[in-house]
Amino acid sequence: MTYTLEISDDLKERLDSHLEEGETHEELIEELVSMYETEGTFLQEGYSE
């Protein structure tokens, strides 16, 4: 089943800035969710505890 998710223009621009060449928004979101499920948190470049 496919769902439609509405996002703000600002969030779309943020997602666009992280897309690799040829990557879709769906692929990026899948990657982010997978990272979150594996790590329990999103990583930030340059961040360390």
N, C-alpha and C. Protein backbone atom coordinates (compact mmCIF):
# COMPACT_ATOMS: atom_id res chain seq x y z
N MET A 1 0.85 -1.17 0.00
CA MET A 1 0.00 0.00 0.00
C MET A 1 0.90 1.24 0.00
N THR A 2 0.55 2.22 -0.77
CA THR A 2 1.30 3.46 -0.87
C THR A 2 0.55 4.57 -0.15
N TYR A 3 1.31 5.39 0.58
CA TYR A 3 0.73 6.53 1.29
C TYR A 3 1.35 7.80 0.77
N THR A 4 0.61 8.88 0.86
CA THR A 4 1.12 10.19 0.49
C THR A 4 1.41 10.96 1.77
N LEU A 5 2.59 11.53 1.83
CA LEU A 5 3.00 12.31 2.98
C LEU A 5 3.21 13.75 2.53
N GLU A 6 2.51 14.67 3.16
CA GLU A 6 2.67 16.08 2.82
C GLU A 6 3.72 16.69 3.75
N ILE A 7 4.67 17.39 3.16
CA ILE A 7 5.72 18.06 3.94
C ILE A 7 5.78 19.53 3.53
N SER A 8 6.34 20.33 4.39
CA SER A 8 6.45 21.76 4.10
C SER A 8 7.52 21.98 3.02
N ASP A 9 7.45 23.14 2.40
CA ASP A 9 8.46 23.51 1.40
C ASP A 9 9.84 23.56 2.02
N ASP A 10 9.93 24.04 3.26
CA ASP A 10 11.22 24.13 3.94
C ASP A 10 11.83 22.74 4.15
N LEU A 11 11.01 21.78 4.57
CA LEU A 11 11.52 20.43 4.78
C LEU A 11 11.93 19.80 3.45
N LYS A 12 11.17 20.04 2.40
CA LYS A 12 11.54 19.52 1.08
C LYS A 12 12.90 20.06 0.65
N GLU A 13 13.13 21.34 0.88
CA GLU A 13 14.42 21.93 0.53
C GLU A 13 15.55 21.30 1.34
N ARG A 14 15.29 21.04 2.62
CA ARG A 14 16.30 20.40 3.46
C ARG A 14 16.61 18.99 2.95
N LEU A 15 15.55 18.24 2.60
CA LEU A 15 15.76 16.91 2.05
C LEU A 15 16.52 16.98 0.73
N ASP A 16 16.14 17.92 -0.12
CA ASP A 16 16.81 18.08 -1.42
C ASP A 16 18.31 18.30 -1.24
N SER A 17 18.69 19.04 -0.21
CA SER A 17 20.11 19.35 0.00
C SER A 17 20.92 18.12 0.42
N HIS A 18 20.24 17.05 0.84
CA HIS A 18 20.93 15.84 1.27
C HIS A 18 20.86 14.71 0.24
N LEU A 19 20.11 14.91 -0.83
CA LEU A 19 19.98 13.88 -1.85
C LEU A 19 21.29 13.72 -2.61
N GLU A 20 21.67 12.45 -2.82
CA GLU A 20 22.81 12.18 -3.69
C GLU A 20 22.29 12.13 -5.12
N GLU A 21 23.17 12.25 -6.07
CA GLU A 21 22.76 12.26 -7.48
C GLU A 21 21.97 11.01 -7.81
N GLY A 22 20.78 11.20 -8.36
CA GLY A 22 19.92 10.10 -8.77
C GLY A 22 19.11 9.48 -7.64
N GLU A 23 19.28 9.96 -6.42
CA GLU A 23 18.56 9.41 -5.27
C GLU A 23 17.19 10.07 -5.15
N THR A 24 16.19 9.29 -4.78
CA THR A 24 14.85 9.83 -4.60
C THR A 24 14.63 10.19 -3.14
N HIS A 25 13.58 10.99 -2.90
CA HIS A 25 13.23 11.33 -1.52
C HIS A 25 12.91 10.07 -0.73
N GLU A 26 12.21 9.14 -1.37
CA GLU A 26 11.84 7.89 -0.69
C GLU A 26 13.09 7.11 -0.26
N GLU A 27 14.09 7.04 -1.13
CA GLU A 27 15.32 6.33 -0.80
C GLU A 27 16.05 7.00 0.36
N LEU A 28 16.09 8.33 0.36
CA LEU A 28 16.73 9.07 1.44
C LEU A 28 16.01 8.82 2.77
N ILE A 29 14.69 8.87 2.75
CA ILE A 29 13.92 8.65 3.97
C ILE A 29 14.10 7.22 4.47
N GLU A 30 14.11 6.24 3.56
CA GLU A 30 14.36 4.85 3.95
C GLU A 30 15.72 4.72 4.63
N GLU A 31 16.74 5.39 4.09
CA GLU A 31 18.08 5.36 4.67
C GLU A 31 18.09 5.99 6.06
N LEU A 32 17.42 7.12 6.21
CA LEU A 32 17.36 7.79 7.50
C LEU A 32 16.66 6.93 8.55
N VAL A 33 15.56 6.31 8.17
CA VAL A 33 14.82 5.46 9.11
C VAL A 33 15.68 4.25 9.49
N SER A 34 16.35 3.67 8.52
CA SER A 34 17.22 2.53 8.79
C SER A 34 18.34 2.91 9.76
N MET A 35 18.95 4.08 9.54
CA MET A 35 20.00 4.56 10.45
C MET A 35 19.43 4.75 11.85
N TYR A 36 18.27 5.32 11.95
CA TYR A 36 17.65 5.55 13.24
C TYR A 36 17.35 4.24 13.95
N GLU A 37 16.83 3.27 13.21
CA GLU A 37 16.51 1.97 13.80
C GLU A 37 17.77 1.25 14.28
N THR A 38 18.86 1.39 13.54
CA THR A 38 20.11 0.72 13.88
C THR A 38 20.84 1.43 15.01
N GLU A 39 20.95 2.72 14.91
CA GLU A 39 21.74 3.51 15.85
C GLU A 39 20.93 4.03 17.03
N GLY A 40 19.63 4.15 16.86
CA GLY A 40 18.79 4.71 17.91
C GLY A 40 18.81 6.23 17.91
N THR A 41 19.58 6.81 17.03
CA THR A 41 19.67 8.26 16.93
C THR A 41 20.24 8.62 15.57
N PHE A 42 20.01 9.82 15.12
CA PHE A 42 20.61 10.27 13.88
C PHE A 42 21.99 10.82 14.17
N LEU A 43 22.92 10.54 13.30
CA LEU A 43 24.28 11.04 13.46
C LEU A 43 24.39 12.43 12.85
N GLN A 44 25.22 13.24 13.46
CA GLN A 44 25.50 14.56 12.91
C GLN A 44 26.99 14.62 12.64
N GLU A 45 27.36 15.09 11.47
CA GLU A 45 28.77 15.21 11.14
C GLU A 45 29.45 16.11 12.15
N GLY A 46 30.62 15.69 12.60
CA GLY A 46 31.38 16.50 13.53
C GLY A 46 30.92 16.39 14.97
N TYR A 47 29.92 15.57 15.24
CA TYR A 47 29.41 15.43 16.59
C TYR A 47 30.01 14.20 17.23
N SER A 48 30.48 14.35 18.45
CA SER A 48 30.96 13.20 19.20
C SER A 48 30.62 13.41 20.67
N GLU A 49 30.43 12.31 21.37
CA GLU A 49 30.09 12.42 22.79
C GLU A 49 31.32 12.40 23.63
